[in-house]
Amino acid sequence: MTSGGRSDPLRTLLASAMLLVSCHGDRADRTEFFPVAGNSSLPFSEAVQVGDILYLSGQLGTDSSGRLLPGGIGPETRQALTNIASILERHGSSMDRVFKCTAMLADMGEWTAMNEVYLTFFPVHRPARSAFGATGLALGARVELECTALK
């Protein structure tokens, strides 16, 4: 602390860095890439783990064959979140460990309908979230969801 009871910004930054290192130890610099289950030819990983954090690639409302579910934003949102839950489980995490999501919508007018389904997956524990409209999503999807979780 400096005179007047204010904290020194450099001291605060150093204390935060030391806390991060002490919490993560050797794991903080460990990075693992997990290919898409059943399709390692895709040009991205389904998840990347850095330390104790899982970064998931965006998920569409596709079934196991890779086809988009019919019915629009509701069924697509439900399937995208089901896909996310499966990926998290495969890598030792769960929906209650998600702390950040990003929602990309083909039409921001469908935001309320997407939220109705989204809330069923996060009834109490609600991650921080950003949402934005996109001019186009892969496969003509209505929504793409991306989440970050603790392992």
N, C-alpha and C. Protein backbone atom coordinates (compact mmCIF):
# COMPACT_ATOMS: atom_id res chain seq x y z
N MET A 1 0.83 -1.18 0.00
CA MET A 1 0.00 0.00 0.00
C MET A 1 0.88 1.24 0.00
N THR A 2 0.43 2.24 -0.71
CA THR A 2 1.12 3.52 -0.70
C THR A 2 0.45 4.39 0.35
N SER A 3 1.02 5.54 0.58
CA SER A 3 0.41 6.43 1.56
C SER A 3 -0.99 6.80 1.11
N GLY A 4 -1.88 7.01 2.05
CA GLY A 4 -3.25 7.34 1.71
C GLY A 4 -4.13 6.11 1.54
N GLY A 5 -3.60 4.88 1.76
CA GLY A 5 -4.42 3.68 1.72
C GLY A 5 -4.69 3.13 0.34
N ARG A 6 -4.11 3.70 -0.70
CA ARG A 6 -4.32 3.17 -2.05
C ARG A 6 -3.29 2.09 -2.34
N SER A 7 -3.68 1.12 -3.18
CA SER A 7 -2.74 0.05 -3.51
C SER A 7 -1.84 0.47 -4.67
N ASP A 8 -0.68 -0.06 -4.68
CA ASP A 8 0.28 0.17 -5.75
C ASP A 8 -0.09 -0.76 -6.90
N PRO A 9 -0.40 -0.23 -8.11
CA PRO A 9 -0.82 -1.09 -9.23
C PRO A 9 0.20 -2.15 -9.60
N LEU A 10 1.47 -1.84 -9.55
CA LEU A 10 2.49 -2.82 -9.89
C LEU A 10 2.51 -3.95 -8.86
N ARG A 11 2.40 -3.60 -7.59
CA ARG A 11 2.37 -4.62 -6.53
C ARG A 11 1.15 -5.52 -6.70
N THR A 12 0.01 -4.95 -7.05
CA THR A 12 -1.21 -5.73 -7.27
C THR A 12 -1.04 -6.68 -8.45
N LEU A 13 -0.45 -6.20 -9.54
CA LEU A 13 -0.21 -7.03 -10.72
C LEU A 13 0.73 -8.18 -10.38
N LEU A 14 1.81 -7.90 -9.67
CA LEU A 14 2.76 -8.96 -9.30
C LEU A 14 2.10 -9.98 -8.38
N ALA A 15 1.29 -9.53 -7.43
CA ALA A 15 0.61 -10.46 -6.53
C ALA A 15 -0.35 -11.35 -7.31
N SER A 16 -1.05 -10.79 -8.30
CA SER A 16 -1.97 -11.58 -9.13
C SER A 16 -1.22 -12.62 -9.93
N ALA A 17 -0.08 -12.24 -10.50
CA ALA A 17 0.72 -13.18 -11.28
C ALA A 17 1.25 -14.31 -10.40
N MET A 18 1.67 -13.98 -9.19
CA MET A 18 2.18 -15.01 -8.27
C MET A 18 1.06 -15.95 -7.86
N LEU A 19 -0.14 -15.42 -7.67
CA LEU A 19 -1.28 -16.26 -7.32
C LEU A 19 -1.61 -17.20 -8.47
N LEU A 20 -1.59 -16.71 -9.69
CA LEU A 20 -1.86 -17.55 -10.86
C LEU A 20 -0.86 -18.70 -10.95
N VAL A 21 0.41 -18.40 -10.77
CA VAL A 21 1.44 -19.43 -10.85
C VAL A 21 1.27 -20.43 -9.71
N SER A 22 0.98 -19.95 -8.51
CA SER A 22 0.84 -20.88 -7.39
C SER A 22 -0.39 -21.76 -7.53
N CYS A 23 -1.45 -21.25 -8.16
CA CYS A 23 -2.66 -22.05 -8.34
C CYS A 23 -2.49 -23.09 -9.44
N HIS A 24 -1.75 -22.77 -10.47
CA HIS A 24 -1.64 -23.66 -11.62
C HIS A 24 -0.33 -24.43 -11.68
N GLY A 25 0.69 -23.91 -11.06
CA GLY A 25 1.98 -24.58 -11.05
C GLY A 25 2.42 -24.95 -12.46
N ASP A 26 2.87 -26.19 -12.64
CA ASP A 26 3.37 -26.65 -13.93
C ASP A 26 2.28 -26.78 -14.96
N ARG A 27 1.02 -26.84 -14.54
CA ARG A 27 -0.08 -27.06 -15.48
C ARG A 27 -0.40 -25.82 -16.30
N ALA A 28 0.02 -24.63 -15.84
CA ALA A 28 -0.36 -23.40 -16.53
C ALA A 28 0.17 -23.34 -17.95
N ASP A 29 1.31 -23.99 -18.22
CA ASP A 29 1.88 -23.91 -19.56
C ASP A 29 1.58 -25.16 -20.40
N ARG A 30 0.77 -26.05 -19.90
CA ARG A 30 0.41 -27.27 -20.62
C ARG A 30 -0.74 -26.98 -21.57
N THR A 31 -0.58 -27.34 -22.83
CA THR A 31 -1.63 -27.16 -23.82
C THR A 31 -1.86 -28.48 -24.54
N GLU A 32 -3.13 -28.89 -24.61
CA GLU A 32 -3.49 -30.11 -25.32
C GLU A 32 -4.56 -29.78 -26.35
N PHE A 33 -4.42 -30.34 -27.54
CA PHE A 33 -5.37 -30.14 -28.63
C PHE A 33 -6.15 -31.43 -28.85
N PHE A 34 -7.47 -31.33 -28.86
CA PHE A 34 -8.32 -32.51 -29.02
C PHE A 34 -9.05 -32.43 -30.36
N PRO A 35 -8.74 -33.33 -31.31
CA PRO A 35 -9.41 -33.29 -32.61
C PRO A 35 -10.90 -33.57 -32.46
N VAL A 36 -11.65 -33.19 -33.47
CA VAL A 36 -13.09 -33.43 -33.47
C VAL A 36 -13.33 -34.93 -33.43
N ALA A 37 -14.12 -35.38 -32.48
CA ALA A 37 -14.39 -36.81 -32.31
C ALA A 37 -14.98 -37.38 -33.60
N GLY A 38 -14.36 -38.42 -34.10
CA GLY A 38 -14.85 -39.09 -35.29
C GLY A 38 -14.52 -38.40 -36.61
N ASN A 39 -13.81 -37.25 -36.57
CA ASN A 39 -13.49 -36.56 -37.81
C ASN A 39 -12.23 -35.71 -37.64
N SER A 40 -11.09 -36.35 -37.60
CA SER A 40 -9.84 -35.63 -37.42
C SER A 40 -9.38 -34.89 -38.67
N SER A 41 -10.13 -34.97 -39.77
CA SER A 41 -9.75 -34.26 -40.99
C SER A 41 -10.19 -32.79 -40.97
N LEU A 42 -11.02 -32.40 -40.00
CA LEU A 42 -11.46 -31.01 -39.92
C LEU A 42 -10.28 -30.11 -39.54
N PRO A 43 -10.27 -28.86 -40.01
CA PRO A 43 -9.11 -27.98 -39.79
C PRO A 43 -9.11 -27.28 -38.43
N PHE A 44 -9.76 -27.85 -37.43
CA PHE A 44 -9.78 -27.26 -36.09
C PHE A 44 -9.96 -28.37 -35.06
N SER A 45 -9.69 -28.02 -33.81
CA SER A 45 -9.89 -28.94 -32.70
C SER A 45 -11.27 -28.72 -32.11
N GLU A 46 -11.89 -29.77 -31.54
CA GLU A 46 -13.17 -29.56 -30.88
C GLU A 46 -12.96 -28.84 -29.55
N ALA A 47 -11.78 -29.02 -28.97
CA ALA A 47 -11.44 -28.35 -27.73
C ALA A 47 -9.93 -28.25 -27.61
N VAL A 48 -9.51 -27.23 -26.88
CA VAL A 48 -8.11 -27.06 -26.54
C VAL A 48 -8.06 -26.81 -25.04
N GLN A 49 -7.20 -27.56 -24.35
CA GLN A 49 -7.04 -27.37 -22.92
C GLN A 49 -5.75 -26.63 -22.66
N VAL A 50 -5.84 -25.54 -21.91
CA VAL A 50 -4.67 -24.79 -21.47
C VAL A 50 -4.77 -24.74 -19.95
N GLY A 51 -3.84 -25.42 -19.28
CA GLY A 51 -3.96 -25.52 -17.83
C GLY A 51 -5.25 -26.22 -17.47
N ASP A 52 -6.05 -25.58 -16.64
CA ASP A 52 -7.33 -26.15 -16.21
C ASP A 52 -8.52 -25.59 -16.97
N ILE A 53 -8.27 -24.95 -18.10
CA ILE A 53 -9.36 -24.33 -18.87
C ILE A 53 -9.53 -25.03 -20.20
N LEU A 54 -10.79 -25.35 -20.53
CA LEU A 54 -11.15 -25.93 -21.82
C LEU A 54 -11.79 -24.86 -22.69
N TYR A 55 -11.22 -24.65 -23.86
CA TYR A 55 -11.77 -23.72 -24.85
C TYR A 55 -12.42 -24.57 -25.93
N LEU A 56 -13.72 -24.47 -26.08
CA LEU A 56 -14.43 -25.27 -27.07
C LEU A 56 -14.61 -24.49 -28.36
N SER A 57 -14.49 -25.20 -29.49
CA SER A 57 -14.84 -24.59 -30.77
C SER A 57 -16.34 -24.38 -30.81
N GLY A 58 -16.77 -23.45 -31.65
CA GLY A 58 -18.19 -23.19 -31.79
C GLY A 58 -18.94 -24.44 -32.25
N GLN A 59 -20.14 -24.61 -31.73
CA GLN A 59 -20.96 -25.77 -32.06
C GLN A 59 -22.25 -25.34 -32.73
N LEU A 60 -22.58 -26.04 -33.78
CA LEU A 60 -23.85 -25.85 -34.48
C LEU A 60 -24.84 -26.89 -33.97
N GLY A 61 -26.06 -26.74 -34.37
CA GLY A 61 -27.09 -27.71 -34.01
C GLY A 61 -27.12 -28.89 -34.95
N THR A 62 -25.99 -29.59 -35.06
CA THR A 62 -25.89 -30.73 -35.96
C THR A 62 -25.98 -32.04 -35.20
N ASP A 63 -26.54 -33.06 -35.86
CA ASP A 63 -26.62 -34.38 -35.26
C ASP A 63 -25.32 -35.14 -35.50
N SER A 64 -25.28 -36.40 -35.12
CA SER A 64 -24.05 -37.20 -35.24
C SER A 64 -23.60 -37.41 -36.68
N SER A 65 -24.51 -37.24 -37.63
CA SER A 65 -24.13 -37.37 -39.04
C SER A 65 -23.62 -36.05 -39.63
N GLY A 66 -23.66 -34.98 -38.83
CA GLY A 66 -23.19 -33.68 -39.30
C GLY A 66 -24.28 -32.86 -39.98
N ARG A 67 -25.51 -33.35 -39.94
CA ARG A 67 -26.62 -32.62 -40.56
C ARG A 67 -27.26 -31.68 -39.56
N LEU A 68 -27.61 -30.50 -40.03
CA LEU A 68 -28.29 -29.52 -39.20
C LEU A 68 -29.69 -30.00 -38.88
N LEU A 69 -30.09 -29.89 -37.61
CA LEU A 69 -31.44 -30.29 -37.23
C LEU A 69 -32.46 -29.36 -37.87
N PRO A 70 -33.57 -29.90 -38.35
CA PRO A 70 -34.63 -29.05 -38.92
C PRO A 70 -35.41 -28.37 -37.80
N GLY A 71 -36.10 -27.32 -38.13
CA GLY A 71 -37.00 -26.69 -37.16
C GLY A 71 -36.57 -25.32 -36.69
N GLY A 72 -35.39 -24.87 -37.09
CA GLY A 72 -34.98 -23.51 -36.76
C GLY A 72 -34.20 -23.35 -35.47
N ILE A 73 -34.29 -22.15 -34.93
CA ILE A 73 -33.43 -21.73 -33.82
C ILE A 73 -33.60 -22.58 -32.56
N GLY A 74 -34.81 -22.98 -32.21
CA GLY A 74 -35.03 -23.76 -30.99
C GLY A 74 -34.33 -25.10 -31.02
N PRO A 75 -34.66 -25.96 -31.99
CA PRO A 75 -33.97 -27.26 -32.07
C PRO A 75 -32.46 -27.14 -32.29
N GLU A 76 -32.04 -26.15 -33.06
CA GLU A 76 -30.60 -25.97 -33.29
C GLU A 76 -29.88 -25.58 -32.00
N THR A 77 -30.48 -24.69 -31.22
CA THR A 77 -29.87 -24.28 -29.95
C THR A 77 -29.77 -25.47 -29.00
N ARG A 78 -30.84 -26.23 -28.88
CA ARG A 78 -30.85 -27.40 -28.00
C ARG A 78 -29.75 -28.39 -28.42
N GLN A 79 -29.64 -28.66 -29.72
CA GLN A 79 -28.64 -29.62 -30.19
C GLN A 79 -27.23 -29.08 -30.02
N ALA A 80 -27.02 -27.79 -30.28
CA ALA A 80 -25.68 -27.20 -30.10
C ALA A 80 -25.25 -27.33 -28.64
N LEU A 81 -26.15 -27.05 -27.71
CA LEU A 81 -25.82 -27.16 -26.29
C LEU A 81 -25.65 -28.61 -25.85
N THR A 82 -26.40 -29.51 -26.45
CA THR A 82 -26.22 -30.95 -26.19
C THR A 82 -24.84 -31.38 -26.68
N ASN A 83 -24.44 -30.89 -27.85
CA ASN A 83 -23.10 -31.19 -28.38
C ASN A 83 -22.02 -30.65 -27.44
N ILE A 84 -22.23 -29.44 -26.93
CA ILE A 84 -21.26 -28.84 -26.00
C ILE A 84 -21.16 -29.69 -24.73
N ALA A 85 -22.29 -30.11 -24.20
CA ALA A 85 -22.29 -30.94 -22.99
C ALA A 85 -21.52 -32.24 -23.23
N SER A 86 -21.69 -32.84 -24.41
CA SER A 86 -20.97 -34.08 -24.74
C SER A 86 -19.47 -33.87 -24.81
N ILE A 87 -19.06 -32.78 -25.44
CA ILE A 87 -17.62 -32.47 -25.56
C ILE A 87 -17.03 -32.24 -24.17
N LEU A 88 -17.74 -31.46 -23.35
CA LEU A 88 -17.25 -31.21 -21.99
C LEU A 88 -17.09 -32.51 -21.21
N GLU A 89 -18.08 -33.38 -21.29
CA GLU A 89 -18.03 -34.65 -20.59
C GLU A 89 -16.86 -35.51 -21.07
N ARG A 90 -16.66 -35.54 -22.39
CA ARG A 90 -15.55 -36.32 -22.96
C ARG A 90 -14.19 -35.87 -22.41
N HIS A 91 -14.12 -34.58 -22.06
CA HIS A 91 -12.83 -34.02 -21.64
C HIS A 91 -12.79 -33.69 -20.15
N GLY A 92 -13.68 -34.34 -19.38
CA GLY A 92 -13.60 -34.24 -17.93
C GLY A 92 -14.21 -33.00 -17.31
N SER A 93 -15.18 -32.39 -17.98
CA SER A 93 -15.84 -31.21 -17.43
C SER A 93 -17.35 -31.39 -17.56
N SER A 94 -18.09 -30.32 -17.33
CA SER A 94 -19.54 -30.38 -17.41
C SER A 94 -20.12 -28.98 -17.61
N MET A 95 -21.41 -28.93 -17.87
CA MET A 95 -22.07 -27.65 -18.12
C MET A 95 -22.00 -26.73 -16.90
N ASP A 96 -21.97 -27.29 -15.70
CA ASP A 96 -21.91 -26.42 -14.52
C ASP A 96 -20.52 -25.84 -14.28
N ARG A 97 -19.56 -26.22 -15.12
CA ARG A 97 -18.20 -25.66 -15.05
C ARG A 97 -17.96 -24.59 -16.13
N VAL A 98 -18.97 -24.36 -16.98
CA VAL A 98 -18.88 -23.34 -18.03
C VAL A 98 -18.94 -21.96 -17.38
N PHE A 99 -17.99 -21.09 -17.77
CA PHE A 99 -18.01 -19.74 -17.20
C PHE A 99 -18.16 -18.65 -18.25
N LYS A 100 -18.06 -18.99 -19.55
CA LYS A 100 -18.20 -17.98 -20.59
C LYS A 100 -18.75 -18.64 -21.85
N CYS A 101 -19.72 -17.98 -22.48
CA CYS A 101 -20.27 -18.45 -23.76
C CYS A 101 -20.35 -17.28 -24.73
N THR A 102 -20.29 -17.62 -25.99
CA THR A 102 -20.51 -16.66 -27.06
C THR A 102 -21.57 -17.24 -27.97
N ALA A 103 -22.58 -16.44 -28.29
CA ALA A 103 -23.66 -16.87 -29.18
C ALA A 103 -23.59 -16.04 -30.45
N MET A 104 -23.56 -16.72 -31.59
CA MET A 104 -23.59 -16.07 -32.89
C MET A 104 -24.90 -16.45 -33.56
N LEU A 105 -25.70 -15.47 -33.91
CA LEU A 105 -27.01 -15.73 -34.48
C LEU A 105 -27.10 -15.19 -35.90
N ALA A 106 -27.74 -15.96 -36.77
CA ALA A 106 -27.95 -15.52 -38.14
C ALA A 106 -28.96 -14.37 -38.18
N ASP A 107 -29.82 -14.30 -37.17
CA ASP A 107 -30.84 -13.25 -37.09
C ASP A 107 -31.01 -12.87 -35.63
N MET A 108 -30.62 -11.66 -35.25
CA MET A 108 -30.75 -11.23 -33.85
C MET A 108 -32.21 -11.16 -33.42
N GLY A 109 -33.13 -11.18 -34.36
CA GLY A 109 -34.54 -11.24 -34.04
C GLY A 109 -34.92 -12.55 -33.37
N GLU A 110 -34.04 -13.58 -33.44
CA GLU A 110 -34.29 -14.87 -32.82
C GLU A 110 -33.63 -15.00 -31.45
N TRP A 111 -33.10 -13.89 -30.94
CA TRP A 111 -32.38 -13.88 -29.67
C TRP A 111 -33.25 -14.40 -28.53
N THR A 112 -34.49 -13.95 -28.44
CA THR A 112 -35.39 -14.38 -27.36
C THR A 112 -35.67 -15.88 -27.45
N ALA A 113 -35.94 -16.38 -28.64
CA ALA A 113 -36.21 -17.81 -28.82
C ALA A 113 -34.98 -18.64 -28.47
N MET A 114 -33.80 -18.17 -28.82
CA MET A 114 -32.56 -18.87 -28.47
C MET A 114 -32.39 -18.89 -26.95
N ASN A 115 -32.65 -17.76 -26.29
CA ASN A 115 -32.51 -17.67 -24.84
C ASN A 115 -33.44 -18.62 -24.09
N GLU A 116 -34.63 -18.84 -24.61
CA GLU A 116 -35.58 -19.76 -23.96
C GLU A 116 -34.98 -21.15 -23.83
N VAL A 117 -34.34 -21.62 -24.87
CA VAL A 117 -33.70 -22.94 -24.83
C VAL A 117 -32.40 -22.88 -24.02
N TYR A 118 -31.60 -21.85 -24.23
CA TYR A 118 -30.32 -21.68 -23.54
C TYR A 118 -30.51 -21.77 -22.03
N LEU A 119 -31.54 -21.11 -21.51
CA LEU A 119 -31.79 -21.09 -20.06
C LEU A 119 -32.08 -22.47 -19.49
N THR A 120 -32.58 -23.39 -20.30
CA THR A 120 -32.84 -24.74 -19.79
C THR A 120 -31.54 -25.49 -19.51
N PHE A 121 -30.44 -25.07 -20.13
CA PHE A 121 -29.14 -25.69 -19.90
C PHE A 121 -28.37 -25.00 -18.77
N PHE A 122 -28.76 -23.77 -18.45
CA PHE A 122 -28.12 -23.00 -17.38
C PHE A 122 -29.20 -22.39 -16.48
N PRO A 123 -29.98 -23.24 -15.79
CA PRO A 123 -31.11 -22.71 -15.01
C PRO A 123 -30.69 -21.87 -13.80
N VAL A 124 -29.56 -22.18 -13.19
CA VAL A 124 -29.11 -21.43 -12.01
C VAL A 124 -27.76 -20.79 -12.29
N HIS A 125 -26.80 -21.61 -12.67
CA HIS A 125 -25.43 -21.17 -12.96
C HIS A 125 -25.43 -20.57 -14.37
N ARG A 126 -25.34 -19.27 -14.45
CA ARG A 126 -25.41 -18.59 -15.75
C ARG A 126 -24.07 -17.97 -16.10
N PRO A 127 -23.39 -18.56 -17.09
CA PRO A 127 -22.08 -18.05 -17.49
C PRO A 127 -22.17 -16.63 -18.05
N ALA A 128 -21.07 -15.91 -18.01
CA ALA A 128 -20.98 -14.64 -18.73
C ALA A 128 -21.20 -14.96 -20.20
N ARG A 129 -21.83 -14.04 -20.93
CA ARG A 129 -22.12 -14.36 -22.33
C ARG A 129 -22.12 -13.11 -23.19
N SER A 130 -21.67 -13.30 -24.42
CA SER A 130 -21.77 -12.28 -25.45
C SER A 130 -22.61 -12.87 -26.57
N ALA A 131 -23.32 -12.01 -27.28
CA ALA A 131 -24.11 -12.47 -28.42
C ALA A 131 -24.01 -11.42 -29.52
N PHE A 132 -23.94 -11.90 -30.76
CA PHE A 132 -23.91 -10.96 -31.88
C PHE A 132 -24.52 -11.61 -33.11
N GLY A 133 -24.95 -10.75 -34.01
CA GLY A 133 -25.50 -11.23 -35.28
C GLY A 133 -24.39 -11.48 -36.28
N ALA A 134 -24.59 -12.47 -37.10
CA ALA A 134 -23.62 -12.84 -38.13
C ALA A 134 -24.31 -12.80 -39.50
N THR A 135 -23.57 -12.47 -40.51
CA THR A 135 -24.16 -12.43 -41.85
C THR A 135 -24.29 -13.81 -42.46
N GLY A 136 -23.67 -14.79 -41.85
CA GLY A 136 -23.79 -16.16 -42.34
C GLY A 136 -23.05 -17.09 -41.41
N LEU A 137 -23.63 -18.26 -41.19
CA LEU A 137 -23.00 -19.29 -40.37
C LEU A 137 -22.85 -20.55 -41.22
N ALA A 138 -21.91 -21.39 -40.85
CA ALA A 138 -21.67 -22.64 -41.59
C ALA A 138 -22.95 -23.45 -41.70
N LEU A 139 -23.11 -24.11 -42.83
CA LEU A 139 -24.24 -24.99 -43.13
C LEU A 139 -25.59 -24.27 -43.14
N GLY A 140 -25.58 -22.94 -43.14
CA GLY A 140 -26.83 -22.19 -43.10
C GLY A 140 -27.49 -22.23 -41.73
N ALA A 141 -26.69 -22.47 -40.69
CA ALA A 141 -27.22 -22.57 -39.33
C ALA A 141 -27.83 -21.26 -38.87
N ARG A 142 -28.73 -21.36 -37.89
CA ARG A 142 -29.36 -20.20 -37.26
C ARG A 142 -28.54 -19.72 -36.07
N VAL A 143 -27.76 -20.63 -35.44
CA VAL A 143 -26.99 -20.28 -34.25
C VAL A 143 -25.71 -21.12 -34.18
N GLU A 144 -24.68 -20.50 -33.65
CA GLU A 144 -23.44 -21.19 -33.29
C GLU A 144 -23.08 -20.75 -31.89
N LEU A 145 -22.76 -21.71 -31.03
CA LEU A 145 -22.45 -21.42 -29.64
C LEU A 145 -21.04 -21.91 -29.32
N GLU A 146 -20.32 -21.09 -28.58
CA GLU A 146 -18.95 -21.39 -28.19
C GLU A 146 -18.84 -21.19 -26.68
N CYS A 147 -18.24 -22.13 -25.98
CA CYS A 147 -18.13 -22.04 -24.52
C CYS A 147 -16.71 -22.28 -24.04
N THR A 148 -16.45 -21.75 -22.85
CA THR A 148 -15.18 -21.94 -22.15
C THR A 148 -15.52 -22.43 -20.75
N ALA A 149 -14.79 -23.46 -20.29
CA ALA A 149 -15.12 -24.08 -19.01
C ALA A 149 -13.87 -24.46 -18.24
N LEU A 150 -14.03 -24.61 -16.95
CA LEU A 150 -12.97 -25.17 -16.11
C LEU A 150 -13.00 -26.68 -16.25
N LYS A 151 -11.86 -27.29 -16.19
CA LYS A 151 -11.77 -28.75 -16.28
C LYS A 151 -12.18 -29.35 -14.95
